[in-house]
């Protein structure tokens, strides 16, 4: 079995660093978004807007070049989680 070269190890370390950086950034945005949804002044209006925007966003992302099946799956999962959270806030407000 061939051992990774120093150059390969360096590239892998760089990619790991970049992935962890992106993951941290995305996680921070996720928590910020949760706070915005939870404290939105009109959750019903937000849910209505989201219902109109969601199909367009999903369609645009489905045609992204270079998007892998894993990317599209994760994107769809994130949209579903946000949709549930937005609708949950609207439902609590409407009760």
PDB file of N, CA and C in Angstrom:
ATOM      1  N   UNK A   1       0.839  -1.178   0.000  1.00  0.00           N
ATOM      2  CA  UNK A   1       0.000   0.000   0.000  1.00  0.00           C
ATOM      3  C   UNK A   1       0.884   1.242   0.000  1.00  0.00           C
ATOM      4  N   UNK A   2       0.560   2.210  -0.801  1.00  0.00           N
ATOM      5  CA  UNK A   2       1.341   3.425  -0.925  1.00  0.00           C
ATOM      6  C   UNK A   2       1.027   4.366   0.224  1.00  0.00           C
ATOM      7  N   UNK A   3       2.074   4.911   0.829  1.00  0.00           N
ATOM      8  CA  UNK A   3       1.912   5.867   1.920  1.00  0.00           C
ATOM      9  C   UNK A   3       1.657   7.256   1.340  1.00  0.00           C
ATOM     10  N   UNK A   4       0.817   8.045   2.005  1.00  0.00           N
ATOM     11  CA  UNK A   4       0.576   9.406   1.508  1.00  0.00           C
ATOM     12  C   UNK A   4       1.863  10.225   1.572  1.00  0.00           C
ATOM     13  N   UNK A   5       2.060  11.033   0.595  1.00  0.00           N
ATOM     14  CA  UNK A   5       3.230  11.909   0.576  1.00  0.00           C
ATOM     15  C   UNK A   5       2.990  13.096   1.489  1.00  0.00           C
ATOM     16  N   UNK A   6       4.054  13.809   1.766  1.00  0.00           N
ATOM     17  CA  UNK A   6       3.919  15.009   2.599  1.00  0.00           C
ATOM     18  C   UNK A   6       2.983  16.017   1.943  1.00  0.00           C
ATOM     19  N   UNK A   7       3.068  16.122   0.627  1.00  0.00           N
ATOM     20  CA  UNK A   7       2.207  17.057  -0.101  1.00  0.00           C
ATOM     21  C   UNK A   7       0.736  16.649   0.038  1.00  0.00           C
ATOM     22  N   UNK A   8       0.460  15.354  -0.037  1.00  0.00           N
ATOM     23  CA  UNK A   8      -0.913  14.866   0.111  1.00  0.00           C
ATOM     24  C   UNK A   8      -1.420  15.118   1.525  1.00  0.00           C
ATOM     25  N   UNK A   9      -0.579  14.857   2.520  1.00  0.00           N
ATOM     26  CA  UNK A   9      -0.969  15.111   3.914  1.00  0.00           C
ATOM     27  C   UNK A   9      -1.254  16.592   4.143  1.00  0.00           C
ATOM     28  N   UNK A  10      -0.429  17.428   3.549  1.00  0.00           N
ATOM     29  CA  UNK A  10      -0.622  18.875   3.684  1.00  0.00           C
ATOM     30  C   UNK A  10      -1.940  19.317   3.041  1.00  0.00           C
ATOM     31  N   UNK A  11      -2.238  18.786   1.875  1.00  0.00           N
ATOM     32  CA  UNK A  11      -3.503  19.122   1.200  1.00  0.00           C
ATOM     33  C   UNK A  11      -4.689  18.641   2.021  1.00  0.00           C
ATOM     34  N   UNK A  12      -4.602  17.433   2.562  1.00  0.00           N
ATOM     35  CA  UNK A  12      -5.694  16.923   3.392  1.00  0.00           C
ATOM     36  C   UNK A  12      -5.887  17.777   4.641  1.00  0.00           C
ATOM     37  N   UNK A  13      -4.807  18.199   5.254  1.00  0.00           N
ATOM     38  CA  UNK A  13      -4.902  19.058   6.440  1.00  0.00           C
ATOM     39  C   UNK A  13      -5.542  20.397   6.085  1.00  0.00           C
ATOM     40  N   UNK A  14      -5.195  20.939   4.927  1.00  0.00           N
ATOM     41  CA  UNK A  14      -5.788  22.197   4.475  1.00  0.00           C
ATOM     42  C   UNK A  14      -7.281  22.029   4.238  1.00  0.00           C
ATOM     43  N   UNK A  15      -7.672  20.947   3.583  1.00  0.00           N
ATOM     44  CA  UNK A  15      -9.102  20.696   3.331  1.00  0.00           C
ATOM     45  C   UNK A  15      -9.862  20.504   4.634  1.00  0.00           C
ATOM     46  N   UNK A  16      -9.256  19.778   5.579  1.00  0.00           N
ATOM     47  CA  UNK A  16      -9.917  19.580   6.864  1.00  0.00           C
ATOM     48  C   UNK A  16     -10.112  20.922   7.566  1.00  0.00           C
ATOM     49  N   UNK A  17      -9.086  21.770   7.530  1.00  0.00           N
ATOM     50  CA  UNK A  17      -9.187  23.097   8.130  1.00  0.00           C
ATOM     51  C   UNK A  17     -10.311  23.891   7.481  1.00  0.00           C
ATOM     52  N   UNK A  18     -10.369  23.898   6.152  1.00  0.00           N
ATOM     53  CA  UNK A  18     -11.406  24.640   5.435  1.00  0.00           C
ATOM     54  C   UNK A  18     -12.793  24.093   5.732  1.00  0.00           C
ATOM     55  N   UNK A  19     -12.917  22.781   5.804  1.00  0.00           N
ATOM     56  CA  UNK A  19     -14.219  22.188   6.115  1.00  0.00           C
ATOM     57  C   UNK A  19     -14.663  22.538   7.532  1.00  0.00           C
ATOM     58  N   UNK A  20     -13.747  22.478   8.490  1.00  0.00           N
ATOM     59  CA  UNK A  20     -14.101  22.814   9.867  1.00  0.00           C
ATOM     60  C   UNK A  20     -14.451  24.296   9.992  1.00  0.00           C
ATOM     61  N   UNK A  21     -13.739  25.138   9.257  1.00  0.00           N
ATOM     62  CA  UNK A  21     -14.055  26.572   9.254  1.00  0.00           C
ATOM     63  C   UNK A  21     -15.460  26.803   8.704  1.00  0.00           C
ATOM     64  N   UNK A  22     -15.772  26.187   7.569  1.00  0.00           N
ATOM     65  CA  UNK A  22     -17.102  26.337   6.965  1.00  0.00           C
ATOM     66  C   UNK A  22     -18.176  25.778   7.891  1.00  0.00           C
ATOM     67  N   UNK A  23     -17.900  24.658   8.520  1.00  0.00           N
ATOM     68  CA  UNK A  23     -18.869  24.047   9.435  1.00  0.00           C
ATOM     69  C   UNK A  23     -19.174  24.969  10.611  1.00  0.00           C
ATOM     70  N   UNK A  24     -18.131  25.583  11.178  1.00  0.00           N
ATOM     71  CA  UNK A  24     -18.337  26.511  12.287  1.00  0.00           C
ATOM     72  C   UNK A  24     -19.152  27.720  11.867  1.00  0.00           C
ATOM     73  N   UNK A  25     -18.860  28.248  10.698  1.00  0.00           N
ATOM     74  CA  UNK A  25     -19.579  29.397  10.178  1.00  0.00           C
ATOM     75  C   UNK A  25     -21.051  29.053   9.957  1.00  0.00           C
ATOM     76  N   UNK A  26     -21.303  27.915   9.345  1.00  0.00           N
ATOM     77  CA  UNK A  26     -22.680  27.485   9.074  1.00  0.00           C
ATOM     78  C   UNK A  26     -23.434  27.252  10.379  1.00  0.00           C
ATOM     79  N   UNK A  27     -22.771  26.660  11.366  1.00  0.00           N
ATOM     80  CA  UNK A  27     -23.420  26.399  12.656  1.00  0.00           C
ATOM     81  C   UNK A  27     -23.808  27.713  13.327  1.00  0.00           C
ATOM     82  N   UNK A  28     -22.933  28.714  13.263  1.00  0.00           N
ATOM     83  CA  UNK A  28     -23.251  30.018  13.844  1.00  0.00           C
ATOM     84  C   UNK A  28     -24.450  30.646  13.140  1.00  0.00           C
ATOM     85  N   UNK A  29     -24.484  30.561  11.811  1.00  0.00           N
ATOM     86  CA  UNK A  29     -25.628  31.073  11.061  1.00  0.00           C
ATOM     87  C   UNK A  29     -26.906  30.331  11.438  1.00  0.00           C
ATOM     88  N   UNK A  30     -26.794  29.036  11.634  1.00  0.00           N
ATOM     89  CA  UNK A  30     -27.958  28.235  12.018  1.00  0.00           C
ATOM     90  C   UNK A  30     -28.542  28.715  13.345  1.00  0.00           C
ATOM     91  N   UNK A  31     -27.685  28.929  14.340  1.00  0.00           N
ATOM     92  CA  UNK A  31     -28.185  29.406  15.638  1.00  0.00           C
ATOM     93  C   UNK A  31     -28.774  30.807  15.524  1.00  0.00           C
ATOM     94  N   UNK A  32     -28.154  31.655  14.722  1.00  0.00           N
ATOM     95  CA  UNK A  32     -28.714  32.984  14.494  1.00  0.00           C
ATOM     96  C   UNK A  32     -30.079  32.913  13.843  1.00  0.00           C
ATOM     97  N   UNK A  33     -30.223  32.029  12.880  1.00  0.00           N
ATOM     98  CA  UNK A  33     -31.502  31.862  12.200  1.00  0.00           C
ATOM     99  C   UNK A  33     -32.575  31.345  13.160  1.00  0.00           C
ATOM    100  N   UNK A  34     -32.206  30.425  14.040  1.00  0.00           N
ATOM    101  CA  UNK A  34     -33.166  29.938  15.045  1.00  0.00           C
ATOM    102  C   UNK A  34     -33.678  31.098  15.903  1.00  0.00           C
ATOM    103  N   UNK A  35     -32.769  31.978  16.299  1.00  0.00           N
ATOM    104  CA  UNK A  35     -33.163  33.124  17.125  1.00  0.00           C
ATOM    105  C   UNK A  35     -34.085  34.064  16.354  1.00  0.00           C
ATOM    106  N   UNK A  36     -33.774  34.308  15.094  1.00  0.00           N
ATOM    107  CA  UNK A  36     -34.617  35.196  14.271  1.00  0.00           C
ATOM    108  C   UNK A  36     -36.015  34.611  14.107  1.00  0.00           C
ATOM    109  N   UNK A  37     -36.091  33.329  13.834  1.00  0.00           N
ATOM    110  CA  UNK A  37     -37.405  32.685  13.674  1.00  0.00           C
ATOM    111  C   UNK A  37     -38.183  32.739  14.977  1.00  0.00           C
ATOM    112  N   UNK A  38     -37.522  32.419  16.074  1.00  0.00           N
ATOM    113  CA  UNK A  38     -38.200  32.386  17.377  1.00  0.00           C
ATOM    114  C   UNK A  38     -38.726  33.749  17.792  1.00  0.00           C
ATOM    115  N   UNK A  39     -38.039  34.813  17.411  1.00  0.00           N
ATOM    116  CA  UNK A  39     -38.419  36.152  17.862  1.00  0.00           C
ATOM    117  C   UNK A  39     -39.045  37.009  16.769  1.00  0.00           C
ATOM    118  N   UNK A  40     -39.399  36.406  15.654  1.00  0.00           N
ATOM    119  CA  UNK A  40     -40.001  37.176  14.559  1.00  0.00           C
ATOM    120  C   UNK A  40     -41.315  37.794  15.031  1.00  0.00           C
ATOM    121  N   UNK A  41     -41.538  39.054  14.660  1.00  0.00           N
ATOM    122  CA  UNK A  41     -42.724  39.771  15.124  1.00  0.00           C
ATOM    123  C   UNK A  41     -44.023  39.208  14.551  1.00  0.00           C
ATOM    124  N   UNK A  42     -43.959  38.623  13.369  1.00  0.00           N
ATOM    125  CA  UNK A  42     -45.163  38.080  12.746  1.00  0.00           C
ATOM    126  C   UNK A  42     -44.851  36.713  12.131  1.00  0.00           C
ATOM    127  N   UNK A  43     -44.844  35.666  12.960  1.00  0.00           N
ATOM    128  CA  UNK A  43     -44.480  34.338  12.480  1.00  0.00           C
ATOM    129  C   UNK A  43     -45.399  33.815  11.374  1.00  0.00           C
ATOM    130  N   UNK A  44     -46.649  34.219  11.371  1.00  0.00           N
ATOM    131  CA  UNK A  44     -47.579  33.774  10.326  1.00  0.00           C
ATOM    132  C   UNK A  44     -47.175  34.376   8.982  1.00  0.00           C
ATOM    133  N   UNK A  45     -46.825  35.657   8.982  1.00  0.00           N
ATOM    134  CA  UNK A  45     -46.362  36.302   7.749  1.00  0.00           C
ATOM    135  C   UNK A  45     -45.056  35.672   7.271  1.00  0.00           C
ATOM    136  N   UNK A  46     -44.172  35.350   8.214  1.00  0.00           N
ATOM    137  CA  UNK A  46     -42.922  34.684   7.860  1.00  0.00           C
ATOM    138  C   UNK A  46     -43.197  33.333   7.215  1.00  0.00           C
ATOM    139  N   UNK A  47     -44.127  32.572   7.774  1.00  0.00           N
ATOM    140  CA  UNK A  47     -44.479  31.258   7.213  1.00  0.00           C
ATOM    141  C   UNK A  47     -45.085  31.404   5.816  1.00  0.00           C
ATOM    142  N   UNK A  48     -45.896  32.413   5.626  1.00  0.00           N
ATOM    143  CA  UNK A  48     -46.489  32.656   4.302  1.00  0.00           C
ATOM    144  C   UNK A  48     -45.407  33.006   3.289  1.00  0.00           C
ATOM    145  N   UNK A  49     -44.511  33.890   3.672  1.00  0.00           N
ATOM    146  CA  UNK A  49     -43.403  34.256   2.788  1.00  0.00           C
ATOM    147  C   UNK A  49     -42.549  33.040   2.465  1.00  0.00           C
ATOM    148  N   UNK A  50     -42.207  32.256   3.484  1.00  0.00           N
ATOM    149  CA  UNK A  50     -41.383  31.067   3.293  1.00  0.00           C
ATOM    150  C   UNK A  50     -42.062  30.079   2.337  1.00  0.00           C
ATOM    151  N   UNK A  51     -43.356  29.928   2.454  1.00  0.00           N
ATOM    152  CA  UNK A  51     -44.093  29.010   1.576  1.00  0.00           C
ATOM    153  C   UNK A  51     -44.003  29.447   0.116  1.00  0.00           C
ATOM    154  N   UNK A  52     -43.910  30.738  -0.117  1.00  0.00           N
ATOM    155  CA  UNK A  52     -43.788  31.243  -1.486  1.00  0.00           C
ATOM    156  C   UNK A  52     -42.357  31.146  -2.007  1.00  0.00           C
ATOM    157  N   UNK A  53     -41.393  31.359  -1.128  1.00  0.00           N
ATOM    158  CA  UNK A  53     -39.983  31.379  -1.516  1.00  0.00           C
ATOM    159  C   UNK A  53     -39.407  29.964  -1.643  1.00  0.00           C
ATOM    160  N   UNK A  54     -39.845  29.060  -0.805  1.00  0.00           N
ATOM    161  CA  UNK A  54     -39.266  27.714  -0.724  1.00  0.00           C
ATOM    162  C   UNK A  54     -39.200  26.984  -2.061  1.00  0.00           C
ATOM    163  N   UNK A  55     -40.278  26.919  -2.841  1.00  0.00           N
ATOM    164  CA  UNK A  55     -40.179  26.189  -4.116  1.00  0.00           C
ATOM    165  C   UNK A  55     -39.131  26.777  -5.059  1.00  0.00           C
ATOM    166  N   UNK A  56     -39.039  28.098  -5.097  1.00  0.00           N
ATOM    167  CA  UNK A  56     -38.062  28.740  -5.975  1.00  0.00           C
ATOM    168  C   UNK A  56     -36.634  28.431  -5.524  1.00  0.00           C
ATOM    169  N   UNK A  57     -36.403  28.513  -4.229  1.00  0.00           N
ATOM    170  CA  UNK A  57     -35.078  28.212  -3.692  1.00  0.00           C
ATOM    171  C   UNK A  57     -34.711  26.763  -3.994  1.00  0.00           C
ATOM    172  N   UNK A  58     -35.630  25.860  -3.764  1.00  0.00           N
ATOM    173  CA  UNK A  58     -35.376  24.437  -4.005  1.00  0.00           C
ATOM    174  C   UNK A  58     -35.084  24.180  -5.480  1.00  0.00           C
ATOM    175  N   UNK A  59     -35.846  24.808  -6.366  1.00  0.00           N
ATOM    176  CA  UNK A  59     -35.626  24.637  -7.803  1.00  0.00           C
ATOM    177  C   UNK A  59     -34.274  25.183  -8.235  1.00  0.00           C
ATOM    178  N   UNK A  60     -33.908  26.353  -7.737  1.00  0.00           N
ATOM    179  CA  UNK A  60     -32.625  26.951  -8.104  1.00  0.00           C
ATOM    180  C   UNK A  60     -31.458  26.076  -7.638  1.00  0.00           C
ATOM    181  N   UNK A  61     -31.552  25.559  -6.430  1.00  0.00           N
ATOM    182  CA  UNK A  61     -30.463  24.751  -5.905  1.00  0.00           C
ATOM    183  C   UNK A  61     -30.376  23.387  -6.576  1.00  0.00           C
ATOM    184  N   UNK A  62     -31.496  22.890  -7.051  1.00  0.00           N
ATOM    185  CA  UNK A  62     -31.491  21.585  -7.724  1.00  0.00           C
ATOM    186  C   UNK A  62     -30.671  21.639  -9.005  1.00  0.00           C
ATOM    187  N   UNK A  63     -30.557  22.822  -9.592  1.00  0.00           N
ATOM    188  CA  UNK A  63     -29.833  22.953 -10.852  1.00  0.00           C
ATOM    189  C   UNK A  63     -28.398  23.447 -10.668  1.00  0.00           C
ATOM    190  N   UNK A  64     -27.914  23.515  -9.434  1.00  0.00           N
ATOM    191  CA  UNK A  64     -26.549  23.973  -9.176  1.00  0.00           C
ATOM    192  C   UNK A  64     -25.567  22.989  -9.786  1.00  0.00           C
ATOM    193  N   UNK A  65     -24.693  23.512 -10.600  1.00  0.00           N
ATOM    194  CA  UNK A  65     -23.683  22.663 -11.229  1.00  0.00           C
ATOM    195  C   UNK A  65     -22.632  22.284 -10.190  1.00  0.00           C
ATOM    196  N   UNK A  66     -22.215  21.048 -10.230  1.00  0.00           N
ATOM    197  CA  UNK A  66     -21.193  20.583  -9.306  1.00  0.00           C
ATOM    198  C   UNK A  66     -21.760  20.133  -7.969  1.00  0.00           C
ATOM    199  N   UNK A  67     -23.056  20.293  -7.769  1.00  0.00           N
ATOM    200  CA  UNK A  67     -23.667  19.831  -6.534  1.00  0.00           C
ATOM    201  C   UNK A  67     -23.739  18.315  -6.531  1.00  0.00           C
ATOM    202  N   UNK A  68     -23.210  17.720  -5.500  1.00  0.00           N
ATOM    203  CA  UNK A  68     -23.222  16.265  -5.397  1.00  0.00           C
ATOM    204  C   UNK A  68     -24.530  15.803  -4.776  1.00  0.00           C
ATOM    205  N   UNK A  69     -24.843  14.519  -4.874  1.00  0.00           N
ATOM    206  CA  UNK A  69     -26.041  14.014  -4.191  1.00  0.00           C
ATOM    207  C   UNK A  69     -26.028  14.306  -2.690  1.00  0.00           C
ATOM    208  N   UNK A  70     -24.861  14.260  -2.068  1.00  0.00           N
ATOM    209  CA  UNK A  70     -24.773  14.557  -0.635  1.00  0.00           C
ATOM    210  C   UNK A  70     -25.112  16.024  -0.379  1.00  0.00           C
ATOM    211  N   UNK A  71     -24.598  16.915  -1.217  1.00  0.00           N
ATOM    212  CA  UNK A  71     -24.906  18.342  -1.086  1.00  0.00           C
ATOM    213  C   UNK A  71     -26.412  18.562  -1.189  1.00  0.00           C
ATOM    214  N   UNK A  72     -27.019  18.021  -2.232  1.00  0.00           N
ATOM    215  CA  UNK A  72     -28.452  18.232  -2.445  1.00  0.00           C
ATOM    216  C   UNK A  72     -29.279  17.626  -1.318  1.00  0.00           C
ATOM    217  N   UNK A  73     -28.868  16.478  -0.826  1.00  0.00           N
ATOM    218  CA  UNK A  73     -29.582  15.842   0.284  1.00  0.00           C
ATOM    219  C   UNK A  73     -29.495  16.705   1.543  1.00  0.00           C
ATOM    220  N   UNK A  74     -28.302  17.190   1.857  1.00  0.00           N
ATOM    221  CA  UNK A  74     -28.126  18.032   3.038  1.00  0.00           C
ATOM    222  C   UNK A  74     -28.901  19.340   2.889  1.00  0.00           C
ATOM    223  N   UNK A  75     -28.906  19.893   1.693  1.00  0.00           N
ATOM    224  CA  UNK A  75     -29.638  21.132   1.445  1.00  0.00           C
ATOM    225  C   UNK A  75     -31.136  20.918   1.648  1.00  0.00           C
ATOM    226  N   UNK A  76     -31.660  19.847   1.094  1.00  0.00           N
ATOM    227  CA  UNK A  76     -33.087  19.536   1.247  1.00  0.00           C
ATOM    228  C   UNK A  76     -33.438  19.294   2.719  1.00  0.00           C
ATOM    229  N   UNK A  77     -32.554  18.609   3.428  1.00  0.00           N
ATOM    230  CA  UNK A  77     -32.787  18.353   4.850  1.00  0.00           C
ATOM    231  C   UNK A  77     -32.821  19.665   5.632  1.00  0.00           C
ATOM    232  N   UNK A  78     -31.901  20.570   5.330  1.00  0.00           N
ATOM    233  CA  UNK A  78     -31.873  21.858   6.023  1.00  0.00           C
ATOM    234  C   UNK A  78     -33.124  22.675   5.721  1.00  0.00           C
ATOM    235  N   UNK A  79     -33.586  22.653   4.466  1.00  0.00           N
ATOM    236  CA  UNK A  79     -34.826  23.345   4.120  1.00  0.00           C
ATOM    237  C   UNK A  79     -36.009  22.770   4.892  1.00  0.00           C
ATOM    238  N   UNK A  80     -36.041  21.454   5.022  1.00  0.00           N
ATOM    239  CA  UNK A  80     -37.135  20.812   5.754  1.00  0.00           C
ATOM    240  C   UNK A  80     -37.123  21.214   7.228  1.00  0.00           C
ATOM    241  N   UNK A  81     -35.949  21.245   7.830  1.00  0.00           N
ATOM    242  CA  UNK A  81     -35.842  21.635   9.244  1.00  0.00           C
ATOM    243  C   UNK A  81     -36.284  23.083   9.422  1.00  0.00           C
ATOM    244  N   UNK A  82     -35.825  23.972   8.537  1.00  0.00           N
ATOM    245  CA  UNK A  82     -36.229  25.382   8.635  1.00  0.00           C
ATOM    246  C   UNK A  82     -37.727  25.528   8.422  1.00  0.00           C
ATOM    247  N   UNK A  83     -38.278  24.780   7.485  1.00  0.00           N
ATOM    248  CA  UNK A  83     -39.716  24.842   7.225  1.00  0.00           C
ATOM    249  C   UNK A  83     -40.510  24.421   8.452  1.00  0.00           C
ATOM    250  N   UNK A  84     -40.087  23.342   9.097  1.00  0.00           N
ATOM    251  CA  UNK A  84     -40.763  22.878  10.308  1.00  0.00           C
ATOM    252  C   UNK A  84     -40.672  23.920  11.417  1.00  0.00           C
ATOM    253  N   UNK A  85     -39.513  24.524  11.563  1.00  0.00           N
ATOM    254  CA  UNK A  85     -39.336  25.526  12.612  1.00  0.00           C
ATOM    255  C   UNK A  85     -40.194  26.764  12.345  1.00  0.00           C
ATOM    256  N   UNK A  86     -40.197  27.223  11.114  1.00  0.00           N
ATOM    257  CA  UNK A  86     -40.999  28.397  10.750  1.00  0.00           C
ATOM    258  C   UNK A  86     -42.485  28.100  10.932  1.00  0.00           C
ATOM    259  N   UNK A  87     -42.926  26.944  10.482  1.00  0.00           N
ATOM    260  CA  UNK A  87     -44.339  26.600  10.621  1.00  0.00           C
ATOM    261  C   UNK A  87     -44.715  26.396  12.086  1.00  0.00           C
ATOM    262  N   UNK A  88     -43.805  25.820  12.849  1.00  0.00           N
ATOM    263  CA  UNK A  88     -44.052  25.649  14.293  1.00  0.00           C
ATOM    264  C   UNK A  88     -44.233  26.982  14.990  1.00  0.00           C
ATOM    265  N   UNK A  89     -43.412  27.961  14.638  1.00  0.00           N
ATOM    266  CA  UNK A  89     -43.545  29.297  15.234  1.00  0.00           C
ATOM    267  C   UNK A  89     -44.877  29.924  14.841  1.00  0.00           C
ATOM    268  N   UNK A  90     -45.273  29.742  13.585  1.00  0.00           N
ATOM    269  CA  UNK A  90     -46.569  30.282  13.112  1.00  0.00           C
ATOM    270  C   UNK A  90     -47.724  29.595  13.845  1.00  0.00           C
ATOM    271  N   UNK A  91     -47.630  28.290  14.007  1.00  0.00           N
ATOM    272  CA  UNK A  91     -48.692  27.548  14.689  1.00  0.00           C
ATOM    273  C   UNK A  91     -48.823  27.971  16.154  1.00  0.00           C
ATOM    274  N   UNK A  92     -47.684  28.173  16.813  1.00  0.00           N
ATOM    275  CA  UNK A  92     -47.724  28.619  18.224  1.00  0.00           C
ATOM    276  C   UNK A  92     -48.318  30.030  18.329  1.00  0.00           C
ATOM    277  N   UNK A  93     -47.999  30.864  17.375  1.00  0.00           N
ATOM    278  CA  UNK A  93     -48.507  32.239  17.376  1.00  0.00           C
ATOM    279  C   UNK A  93     -50.008  32.267  17.107  1.00  0.00           C
ATOM    280  N   UNK A  94     -50.465  31.378  16.218  1.00  0.00           N
ATOM    281  CA  UNK A  94     -51.874  31.346  15.842  1.00  0.00           C
ATOM    282  C   UNK A  94     -52.770  30.695  16.899  1.00  0.00           C
ATOM    283  N   UNK A  95     -52.142  29.997  17.850  1.00  0.00           N
ATOM    284  CA  UNK A  95     -52.938  29.298  18.874  1.00  0.00           C
ATOM    285  C   UNK A  95     -53.465  30.228  19.919  1.00  0.00           C
TER     286      UNK A  95
END
